[in-house]
Amino acid sequence: AVAHAFNRMREGIESHEKEILRLAYEDRLTGLPNRALFNDRLAGAVNLARRTGTPLTVMLMDLDRFKHINDTLGHTIGDNVLREVAARLRAALRESDTIARLGGDEFGVLLPTGNEDRIGEVVRKILRSIEQPIEADGQWLDVGASIGIARFPEHGDKPDTLRAQQLLG
């Protein structure tokens, strides 16, 4: 009986620890990784790229017209737009890529490969998916996005440098 109670207590603690980690690293609105997890993954990817000599790509993206949507139609519709954009980004990227909501209408994408053809393909897929009108509360909204791209090692060899060196496109 004591062993059973101990096992239940241990399982409960493990469950609570997993939930704490999820809350610490997940954006509550979209379910995507948050800024903290994105920064951790970026640091790990930069270290790996430095050791192996493989390039990697960081993209930062802001939604166009989002502030106007939020201000005129309200935060509920703005939240729905963010959730839909997150779903579209998930669908456009591979599991090995990291997509994160960094805050507000800013998203980050970490591509563990730096192949220029793949980067162009991913940017086109992202823009196509976001340029499709989003239905929110019976209205069709045009959103769009601006994407900045930085590559390791061409634009920087540290996570902070790569985040700061976005070449707006």
N, C-alpha and C. Protein backbone atom coordinates (compact mmCIF):
# COMPACT_ATOMS: atom_id res chain seq x y z
N ALA A 1 0.83 -1.19 0.00
CA ALA A 1 0.00 0.00 0.00
C ALA A 1 0.87 1.26 0.00
N VAL A 2 1.96 1.22 0.76
CA VAL A 2 2.85 2.38 0.81
C VAL A 2 3.53 2.56 -0.55
N ALA A 3 3.95 1.46 -1.17
CA ALA A 3 4.59 1.53 -2.48
C ALA A 3 3.62 2.09 -3.52
N HIS A 4 2.37 1.66 -3.46
CA HIS A 4 1.35 2.16 -4.40
C HIS A 4 1.15 3.67 -4.21
N ALA A 5 1.03 4.09 -2.97
CA ALA A 5 0.85 5.52 -2.67
C ALA A 5 2.07 6.32 -3.14
N PHE A 6 3.25 5.77 -2.93
CA PHE A 6 4.48 6.43 -3.34
C PHE A 6 4.52 6.58 -4.87
N ASN A 7 4.15 5.50 -5.59
CA ASN A 7 4.12 5.56 -7.06
C ASN A 7 3.12 6.59 -7.57
N ARG A 8 1.94 6.64 -6.94
CA ARG A 8 0.93 7.64 -7.34
C ARG A 8 1.46 9.05 -7.11
N MET A 9 2.14 9.26 -5.97
CA MET A 9 2.69 10.57 -5.65
C MET A 9 3.78 10.93 -6.68
N ARG A 10 4.65 9.98 -7.02
CA ARG A 10 5.72 10.21 -8.00
C ARG A 10 5.13 10.56 -9.36
N GLU A 11 4.10 9.81 -9.78
CA GLU A 11 3.43 10.09 -11.06
C GLU A 11 2.79 11.47 -11.05
N GLY A 12 2.20 11.85 -9.92
CA GLY A 12 1.60 13.17 -9.80
C GLY A 12 2.63 14.28 -9.92
N ILE A 13 3.78 14.08 -9.30
CA ILE A 13 4.86 15.07 -9.39
C ILE A 13 5.36 15.18 -10.82
N GLU A 14 5.56 14.04 -11.50
CA GLU A 14 6.01 14.06 -12.89
C GLU A 14 5.00 14.79 -13.77
N SER A 15 3.73 14.54 -13.54
CA SER A 15 2.68 15.19 -14.32
C SER A 15 2.72 16.71 -14.10
N HIS A 16 2.89 17.14 -12.84
CA HIS A 16 2.96 18.56 -12.55
C HIS A 16 4.20 19.20 -13.19
N GLU A 17 5.33 18.49 -13.16
CA GLU A 17 6.55 19.01 -13.77
C GLU A 17 6.36 19.19 -15.28
N LYS A 18 5.73 18.22 -15.94
CA LYS A 18 5.47 18.33 -17.38
C LYS A 18 4.57 19.53 -17.68
N GLU A 19 3.56 19.73 -16.86
CA GLU A 19 2.64 20.85 -17.06
C GLU A 19 3.35 22.18 -16.86
N ILE A 20 4.23 22.26 -15.86
CA ILE A 20 4.99 23.49 -15.62
C ILE A 20 5.87 23.80 -16.83
N LEU A 21 6.55 22.78 -17.36
CA LEU A 21 7.39 22.99 -18.55
C LEU A 21 6.55 23.41 -19.75
N ARG A 22 5.40 22.79 -19.92
CA ARG A 22 4.52 23.17 -21.04
C ARG A 22 4.12 24.63 -20.92
N LEU A 23 3.72 25.05 -19.73
CA LEU A 23 3.30 26.43 -19.53
C LEU A 23 4.47 27.40 -19.71
N ALA A 24 5.68 26.97 -19.35
CA ALA A 24 6.84 27.84 -19.47
C ALA A 24 7.27 28.03 -20.91
N TYR A 25 7.01 27.04 -21.77
CA TYR A 25 7.55 27.08 -23.13
C TYR A 25 6.50 27.11 -24.24
N GLU A 26 5.23 27.19 -23.90
CA GLU A 26 4.19 27.17 -24.92
C GLU A 26 3.39 28.46 -24.88
N ASP A 27 3.12 28.99 -26.08
CA ASP A 27 2.23 30.14 -26.19
C ASP A 27 0.81 29.65 -25.95
N ARG A 28 0.16 30.19 -24.94
CA ARG A 28 -1.17 29.70 -24.56
C ARG A 28 -2.22 29.89 -25.65
N LEU A 29 -2.13 30.98 -26.39
CA LEU A 29 -3.16 31.28 -27.40
C LEU A 29 -3.08 30.32 -28.59
N THR A 30 -1.87 30.07 -29.09
CA THR A 30 -1.72 29.31 -30.33
C THR A 30 -1.26 27.87 -30.12
N GLY A 31 -0.72 27.57 -28.95
CA GLY A 31 -0.15 26.25 -28.71
C GLY A 31 1.23 26.08 -29.33
N LEU A 32 1.74 27.12 -29.98
CA LEU A 32 3.09 27.06 -30.56
C LEU A 32 4.13 27.25 -29.46
N PRO A 33 5.38 26.90 -29.73
CA PRO A 33 6.44 27.27 -28.81
C PRO A 33 6.44 28.79 -28.61
N ASN A 34 6.86 29.24 -27.43
CA ASN A 34 6.93 30.68 -27.18
C ASN A 34 8.35 31.20 -27.39
N ARG A 35 8.56 32.48 -27.07
CA ARG A 35 9.86 33.12 -27.27
C ARG A 35 10.97 32.38 -26.54
N ALA A 36 10.72 31.96 -25.29
CA ALA A 36 11.76 31.28 -24.50
C ALA A 36 12.20 29.98 -25.17
N LEU A 37 11.25 29.18 -25.63
CA LEU A 37 11.60 27.91 -26.28
C LEU A 37 12.28 28.18 -27.63
N PHE A 38 11.81 29.17 -28.36
CA PHE A 38 12.42 29.52 -29.65
C PHE A 38 13.89 29.90 -29.42
N ASN A 39 14.14 30.73 -28.41
CA ASN A 39 15.51 31.15 -28.12
C ASN A 39 16.38 29.97 -27.72
N ASP A 40 15.83 29.04 -26.93
CA ASP A 40 16.58 27.83 -26.55
C ASP A 40 16.92 27.00 -27.79
N ARG A 41 15.93 26.79 -28.65
CA ARG A 41 16.17 25.99 -29.86
C ARG A 41 17.16 26.68 -30.80
N LEU A 42 17.05 28.00 -30.90
CA LEU A 42 17.98 28.75 -31.74
C LEU A 42 19.41 28.62 -31.22
N ALA A 43 19.59 28.74 -29.90
CA ALA A 43 20.93 28.59 -29.32
C ALA A 43 21.49 27.20 -29.60
N GLY A 44 20.66 26.18 -29.44
CA GLY A 44 21.11 24.81 -29.73
C GLY A 44 21.44 24.61 -31.19
N ALA A 45 20.62 25.18 -32.07
CA ALA A 45 20.85 25.04 -33.51
C ALA A 45 22.12 25.77 -33.94
N VAL A 46 22.39 26.93 -33.34
CA VAL A 46 23.61 27.67 -33.67
C VAL A 46 24.83 26.87 -33.22
N ASN A 47 24.77 26.30 -32.01
CA ASN A 47 25.89 25.48 -31.52
C ASN A 47 26.14 24.29 -32.44
N LEU A 48 25.07 23.62 -32.85
CA LEU A 48 25.19 22.47 -33.75
C LEU A 48 25.75 22.91 -35.11
N ALA A 49 25.23 24.00 -35.64
CA ALA A 49 25.69 24.50 -36.94
C ALA A 49 27.16 24.89 -36.88
N ARG A 50 27.57 25.48 -35.77
CA ARG A 50 28.97 25.87 -35.61
C ARG A 50 29.88 24.62 -35.61
N ARG A 51 29.43 23.57 -34.90
CA ARG A 51 30.22 22.32 -34.82
C ARG A 51 30.26 21.58 -36.15
N THR A 52 29.15 21.53 -36.85
CA THR A 52 29.06 20.72 -38.06
C THR A 52 29.33 21.50 -39.34
N GLY A 53 29.33 22.83 -39.24
CA GLY A 53 29.54 23.65 -40.42
C GLY A 53 28.34 23.73 -41.34
N THR A 54 27.17 23.34 -40.84
CA THR A 54 25.96 23.40 -41.67
C THR A 54 25.25 24.73 -41.44
N PRO A 55 24.71 25.32 -42.49
CA PRO A 55 24.00 26.58 -42.33
C PRO A 55 22.62 26.38 -41.69
N LEU A 56 22.09 27.45 -41.15
CA LEU A 56 20.71 27.43 -40.66
C LEU A 56 20.11 28.80 -40.95
N THR A 57 18.80 28.85 -40.95
CA THR A 57 18.09 30.07 -41.30
C THR A 57 17.10 30.44 -40.21
N VAL A 58 17.04 31.74 -39.91
CA VAL A 58 16.09 32.28 -38.95
C VAL A 58 15.21 33.28 -39.70
N MET A 59 13.92 33.14 -39.52
CA MET A 59 12.98 34.10 -40.11
C MET A 59 12.15 34.71 -39.00
N LEU A 60 11.98 36.02 -39.06
CA LEU A 60 11.05 36.70 -38.16
C LEU A 60 9.96 37.28 -39.04
N MET A 61 8.73 37.15 -38.58
CA MET A 61 7.59 37.53 -39.39
C MET A 61 6.60 38.34 -38.56
N ASP A 62 6.15 39.44 -39.14
CA ASP A 62 5.07 40.24 -38.55
C ASP A 62 3.89 40.19 -39.50
N LEU A 63 2.69 40.15 -38.94
CA LEU A 63 1.50 40.15 -39.78
C LEU A 63 1.19 41.58 -40.22
N ASP A 64 0.82 41.72 -41.48
CA ASP A 64 0.42 43.02 -42.02
C ASP A 64 -1.04 43.27 -41.61
N ARG A 65 -1.35 44.48 -41.31
CA ARG A 65 -2.72 44.92 -41.00
C ARG A 65 -3.29 44.31 -39.71
N PHE A 66 -2.47 43.61 -38.93
CA PHE A 66 -3.00 42.97 -37.73
C PHE A 66 -3.47 44.01 -36.70
N LYS A 67 -2.69 45.06 -36.51
CA LYS A 67 -3.07 46.09 -35.53
C LYS A 67 -4.42 46.69 -35.90
N HIS A 68 -4.62 46.93 -37.18
CA HIS A 68 -5.89 47.48 -37.64
C HIS A 68 -7.04 46.50 -37.36
N ILE A 69 -6.83 45.23 -37.62
CA ILE A 69 -7.85 44.21 -37.35
C ILE A 69 -8.17 44.18 -35.86
N ASN A 70 -7.13 44.15 -35.05
CA ASN A 70 -7.31 44.09 -33.59
C ASN A 70 -8.03 45.34 -33.07
N ASP A 71 -7.63 46.53 -33.57
CA ASP A 71 -8.21 47.79 -33.09
C ASP A 71 -9.65 47.97 -33.54
N THR A 72 -9.96 47.56 -34.78
CA THR A 72 -11.31 47.82 -35.29
C THR A 72 -12.29 46.69 -35.01
N LEU A 73 -11.83 45.45 -35.01
CA LEU A 73 -12.74 44.32 -34.84
C LEU A 73 -12.67 43.68 -33.46
N GLY A 74 -11.65 44.05 -32.67
CA GLY A 74 -11.56 43.55 -31.30
C GLY A 74 -10.56 42.42 -31.13
N HIS A 75 -10.19 42.24 -29.86
CA HIS A 75 -9.16 41.24 -29.53
C HIS A 75 -9.62 39.81 -29.76
N THR A 76 -10.91 39.53 -29.63
CA THR A 76 -11.39 38.17 -29.86
C THR A 76 -11.13 37.76 -31.31
N ILE A 77 -11.46 38.64 -32.25
CA ILE A 77 -11.20 38.34 -33.66
C ILE A 77 -9.71 38.32 -33.91
N GLY A 78 -8.97 39.24 -33.30
CA GLY A 78 -7.52 39.23 -33.43
C GLY A 78 -6.92 37.91 -32.95
N ASP A 79 -7.43 37.40 -31.83
CA ASP A 79 -6.95 36.11 -31.32
C ASP A 79 -7.27 34.98 -32.29
N ASN A 80 -8.47 35.03 -32.88
CA ASN A 80 -8.84 34.00 -33.86
C ASN A 80 -7.92 34.04 -35.08
N VAL A 81 -7.56 35.25 -35.51
CA VAL A 81 -6.63 35.40 -36.64
C VAL A 81 -5.28 34.80 -36.28
N LEU A 82 -4.78 35.07 -35.07
CA LEU A 82 -3.48 34.52 -34.65
C LEU A 82 -3.51 33.00 -34.59
N ARG A 83 -4.61 32.43 -34.09
CA ARG A 83 -4.73 30.97 -34.05
C ARG A 83 -4.74 30.38 -35.47
N GLU A 84 -5.45 31.02 -36.38
CA GLU A 84 -5.50 30.54 -37.77
C GLU A 84 -4.14 30.65 -38.44
N VAL A 85 -3.45 31.77 -38.23
CA VAL A 85 -2.11 31.93 -38.80
C VAL A 85 -1.19 30.84 -38.26
N ALA A 86 -1.26 30.56 -36.96
CA ALA A 86 -0.43 29.50 -36.36
C ALA A 86 -0.72 28.16 -37.03
N ALA A 87 -1.98 27.84 -37.25
CA ALA A 87 -2.35 26.57 -37.88
C ALA A 87 -1.81 26.52 -39.31
N ARG A 88 -1.89 27.62 -40.03
CA ARG A 88 -1.40 27.64 -41.41
C ARG A 88 0.12 27.50 -41.45
N LEU A 89 0.80 28.14 -40.50
CA LEU A 89 2.25 28.02 -40.45
C LEU A 89 2.66 26.58 -40.14
N ARG A 90 1.97 25.95 -39.19
CA ARG A 90 2.25 24.54 -38.88
C ARG A 90 2.11 23.68 -40.13
N ALA A 91 1.07 23.94 -40.91
CA ALA A 91 0.80 23.14 -42.11
C ALA A 91 1.86 23.40 -43.19
N ALA A 92 2.43 24.60 -43.22
CA ALA A 92 3.39 24.96 -44.27
C ALA A 92 4.80 24.47 -43.98
N LEU A 93 5.08 24.14 -42.72
CA LEU A 93 6.44 23.77 -42.33
C LEU A 93 6.57 22.30 -41.98
N ARG A 94 7.81 21.82 -41.97
CA ARG A 94 8.08 20.44 -41.59
C ARG A 94 8.19 20.35 -40.07
N GLU A 95 8.07 19.12 -39.55
CA GLU A 95 8.20 18.93 -38.10
C GLU A 95 9.57 19.30 -37.59
N SER A 96 10.59 19.17 -38.42
CA SER A 96 11.95 19.49 -38.00
C SER A 96 12.18 21.00 -37.92
N ASP A 97 11.27 21.79 -38.48
CA ASP A 97 11.36 23.25 -38.39
C ASP A 97 10.69 23.69 -37.10
N THR A 98 11.13 24.81 -36.56
CA THR A 98 10.49 25.37 -35.37
C THR A 98 9.74 26.62 -35.77
N ILE A 99 8.46 26.66 -35.45
CA ILE A 99 7.65 27.86 -35.60
C ILE A 99 7.21 28.27 -34.21
N ALA A 100 7.38 29.54 -33.89
CA ALA A 100 7.04 30.02 -32.55
C ALA A 100 6.30 31.34 -32.64
N ARG A 101 5.44 31.57 -31.68
CA ARG A 101 4.84 32.90 -31.54
C ARG A 101 5.69 33.64 -30.52
N LEU A 102 6.32 34.71 -30.98
CA LEU A 102 7.25 35.44 -30.14
C LEU A 102 6.56 36.50 -29.30
N GLY A 103 5.33 36.84 -29.66
CA GLY A 103 4.55 37.84 -28.93
C GLY A 103 3.75 38.66 -29.93
N GLY A 104 2.63 39.19 -29.48
CA GLY A 104 1.80 40.01 -30.36
C GLY A 104 1.54 39.28 -31.67
N ASP A 105 1.85 39.95 -32.78
CA ASP A 105 1.66 39.33 -34.10
C ASP A 105 3.01 38.94 -34.72
N GLU A 106 4.00 38.69 -33.87
CA GLU A 106 5.34 38.32 -34.35
C GLU A 106 5.56 36.82 -34.18
N PHE A 107 6.03 36.20 -35.26
CA PHE A 107 6.32 34.77 -35.26
C PHE A 107 7.77 34.58 -35.68
N GLY A 108 8.37 33.52 -35.19
CA GLY A 108 9.73 33.17 -35.57
C GLY A 108 9.75 31.78 -36.19
N VAL A 109 10.61 31.59 -37.17
CA VAL A 109 10.77 30.29 -37.82
C VAL A 109 12.26 29.97 -37.82
N LEU A 110 12.58 28.77 -37.40
CA LEU A 110 13.95 28.28 -37.40
C LEU A 110 14.02 27.09 -38.34
N LEU A 111 14.79 27.25 -39.41
CA LEU A 111 14.99 26.17 -40.38
C LEU A 111 16.38 25.59 -40.14
N PRO A 112 16.46 24.33 -39.76
CA PRO A 112 17.76 23.75 -39.44
C PRO A 112 18.65 23.52 -40.65
N THR A 113 18.16 23.81 -41.84
CA THR A 113 19.01 23.74 -43.03
C THR A 113 18.99 25.10 -43.70
N GLY A 114 20.06 25.42 -44.38
CA GLY A 114 20.15 26.74 -44.99
C GLY A 114 20.12 26.71 -46.50
N ASN A 115 19.72 25.60 -47.09
CA ASN A 115 19.64 25.46 -48.53
C ASN A 115 18.79 26.59 -49.12
N GLU A 116 19.37 27.37 -50.04
CA GLU A 116 18.66 28.55 -50.56
C GLU A 116 17.37 28.19 -51.28
N ASP A 117 17.36 27.07 -52.00
CA ASP A 117 16.12 26.66 -52.68
C ASP A 117 15.03 26.38 -51.65
N ARG A 118 15.39 25.70 -50.58
CA ARG A 118 14.40 25.39 -49.53
C ARG A 118 13.91 26.66 -48.87
N ILE A 119 14.79 27.62 -48.61
CA ILE A 119 14.39 28.87 -47.97
C ILE A 119 13.36 29.58 -48.84
N GLY A 120 13.66 29.70 -50.12
CA GLY A 120 12.72 30.35 -51.03
C GLY A 120 11.38 29.64 -51.08
N GLU A 121 11.44 28.30 -51.10
CA GLU A 121 10.21 27.49 -51.11
C GLU A 121 9.40 27.73 -49.84
N VAL A 122 10.07 27.75 -48.69
CA VAL A 122 9.37 27.96 -47.41
C VAL A 122 8.75 29.35 -47.36
N VAL A 123 9.50 30.37 -47.78
CA VAL A 123 8.96 31.74 -47.76
C VAL A 123 7.72 31.81 -48.66
N ARG A 124 7.80 31.24 -49.84
CA ARG A 124 6.63 31.25 -50.74
C ARG A 124 5.44 30.53 -50.12
N LYS A 125 5.69 29.36 -49.50
CA LYS A 125 4.59 28.60 -48.87
C LYS A 125 3.96 29.41 -47.74
N ILE A 126 4.79 30.04 -46.91
CA ILE A 126 4.29 30.85 -45.79
C ILE A 126 3.45 32.00 -46.32
N LEU A 127 4.00 32.74 -47.27
CA LEU A 127 3.27 33.91 -47.79
C LEU A 127 1.97 33.50 -48.47
N ARG A 128 2.01 32.41 -49.27
CA ARG A 128 0.77 31.93 -49.91
C ARG A 128 -0.28 31.55 -48.87
N SER A 129 0.15 30.86 -47.82
CA SER A 129 -0.81 30.40 -46.82
C SER A 129 -1.42 31.57 -46.04
N ILE A 130 -0.62 32.59 -45.79
CA ILE A 130 -1.13 33.72 -45.00
C ILE A 130 -1.89 34.71 -45.86
N GLU A 131 -1.58 34.76 -47.15
CA GLU A 131 -2.29 35.68 -48.04
C GLU A 131 -3.70 35.21 -48.35
N GLN A 132 -4.00 33.94 -48.09
CA GLN A 132 -5.38 33.47 -48.28
C GLN A 132 -6.24 34.16 -47.23
N PRO A 133 -7.39 34.72 -47.62
CA PRO A 133 -8.24 35.40 -46.64
C PRO A 133 -8.59 34.49 -45.46
N ILE A 134 -8.69 35.12 -44.30
CA ILE A 134 -9.03 34.40 -43.07
C ILE A 134 -10.46 34.77 -42.69
N GLU A 135 -11.27 33.75 -42.48
CA GLU A 135 -12.66 33.98 -42.06
C GLU A 135 -12.70 34.12 -40.55
N ALA A 136 -13.25 35.24 -40.09
CA ALA A 136 -13.37 35.47 -38.65
C ALA A 136 -14.72 36.13 -38.39
N ASP A 137 -15.55 35.42 -37.66
CA ASP A 137 -16.86 35.95 -37.27
C ASP A 137 -17.67 36.39 -38.49
N GLY A 138 -17.64 35.57 -39.53
CA GLY A 138 -18.44 35.86 -40.72
C GLY A 138 -17.83 36.87 -41.67
N GLN A 139 -16.63 37.37 -41.36
CA GLN A 139 -15.97 38.33 -42.23
C GLN A 139 -14.71 37.70 -42.80
N TRP A 140 -14.38 38.08 -44.03
CA TRP A 140 -13.15 37.61 -44.65
C TRP A 140 -12.11 38.71 -44.51
N LEU A 141 -10.97 38.35 -43.92
CA LEU A 141 -9.92 39.32 -43.64
C LEU A 141 -8.67 39.01 -44.44
N ASP A 142 -8.09 40.05 -45.04
CA ASP A 142 -6.81 39.92 -45.73
C ASP A 142 -5.72 40.31 -44.73
N VAL A 143 -4.77 39.41 -44.50
CA VAL A 143 -3.75 39.68 -43.50
C VAL A 143 -2.41 39.94 -44.18
N GLY A 144 -1.75 38.92 -44.69
CA GLY A 144 -0.42 39.08 -45.28
C GLY A 144 0.65 39.15 -44.20
N ALA A 145 1.91 39.12 -44.63
CA ALA A 145 3.02 39.13 -43.67
C ALA A 145 4.26 39.74 -44.29
N SER A 146 5.11 40.27 -43.42
CA SER A 146 6.45 40.72 -43.79
C SER A 146 7.43 39.77 -43.11
N ILE A 147 8.41 39.30 -43.86
CA ILE A 147 9.35 38.31 -43.34
C ILE A 147 10.77 38.83 -43.47
N GLY A 148 11.51 38.76 -42.37
CA GLY A 148 12.94 39.05 -42.38
C GLY A 148 13.70 37.73 -42.29
N ILE A 149 14.81 37.63 -43.00
CA ILE A 149 15.56 36.38 -43.06
C ILE A 149 17.02 36.65 -42.69
N ALA A 150 17.56 35.80 -41.82
CA ALA A 150 18.99 35.85 -41.51
C ALA A 150 19.52 34.42 -41.56
N ARG A 151 20.75 34.27 -42.10
CA ARG A 151 21.34 32.94 -42.24
C ARG A 151 22.64 32.85 -41.47
N PHE A 152 22.84 31.68 -40.86
CA PHE A 152 24.11 31.38 -40.21
C PHE A 152 24.96 30.63 -41.23
N PRO A 153 26.19 30.99 -41.46
CA PRO A 153 26.98 32.01 -40.76
C PRO A 153 27.05 33.36 -41.48
N GLU A 154 26.41 33.50 -42.66
CA GLU A 154 26.56 34.73 -43.45
C GLU A 154 26.18 36.00 -42.69
N HIS A 155 25.08 35.97 -41.95
CA HIS A 155 24.56 37.18 -41.31
C HIS A 155 24.88 37.26 -39.82
N GLY A 156 25.52 36.24 -39.30
CA GLY A 156 25.88 36.25 -37.88
C GLY A 156 26.14 34.84 -37.40
N ASP A 157 26.90 34.76 -36.30
CA ASP A 157 27.24 33.43 -35.77
C ASP A 157 26.78 33.26 -34.33
N LYS A 158 25.92 34.18 -33.86
CA LYS A 158 25.38 34.09 -32.51
C LYS A 158 23.86 34.27 -32.59
N PRO A 159 23.11 33.63 -31.69
CA PRO A 159 21.65 33.76 -31.72
C PRO A 159 21.18 35.22 -31.70
N ASP A 160 21.76 36.05 -30.83
CA ASP A 160 21.33 37.45 -30.74
C ASP A 160 21.58 38.19 -32.05
N THR A 161 22.71 37.92 -32.69
CA THR A 161 23.05 38.56 -33.94
C THR A 161 22.07 38.16 -35.03
N LEU A 162 21.74 36.87 -35.07
CA LEU A 162 20.81 36.39 -36.10
C LEU A 162 19.42 36.98 -35.91
N ARG A 163 18.99 37.14 -34.66
CA ARG A 163 17.67 37.75 -34.42
C ARG A 163 17.67 39.21 -34.82
N ALA A 164 18.82 39.89 -34.66
CA ALA A 164 18.88 41.32 -34.94
C ALA A 164 19.13 41.63 -36.41
N GLN A 165 19.69 40.69 -37.15
CA GLN A 165 20.13 40.94 -38.53
C GLN A 165 19.08 40.57 -39.58
N GLN A 166 17.84 40.73 -39.26
CA GLN A 166 16.80 40.36 -40.23
C GLN A 166 16.86 41.29 -41.43
N LEU A 167 16.92 40.69 -42.59
CA LEU A 167 16.94 41.45 -43.84
C LEU A 167 15.50 41.51 -44.34
N LEU A 168 14.83 42.60 -44.09
CA LEU A 168 13.40 42.64 -44.40
C LEU A 168 13.16 42.51 -45.88
N GLY A 169 12.19 41.62 -46.18
CA GLY A 169 11.88 41.34 -47.58
C GLY A 169 10.43 41.59 -47.85
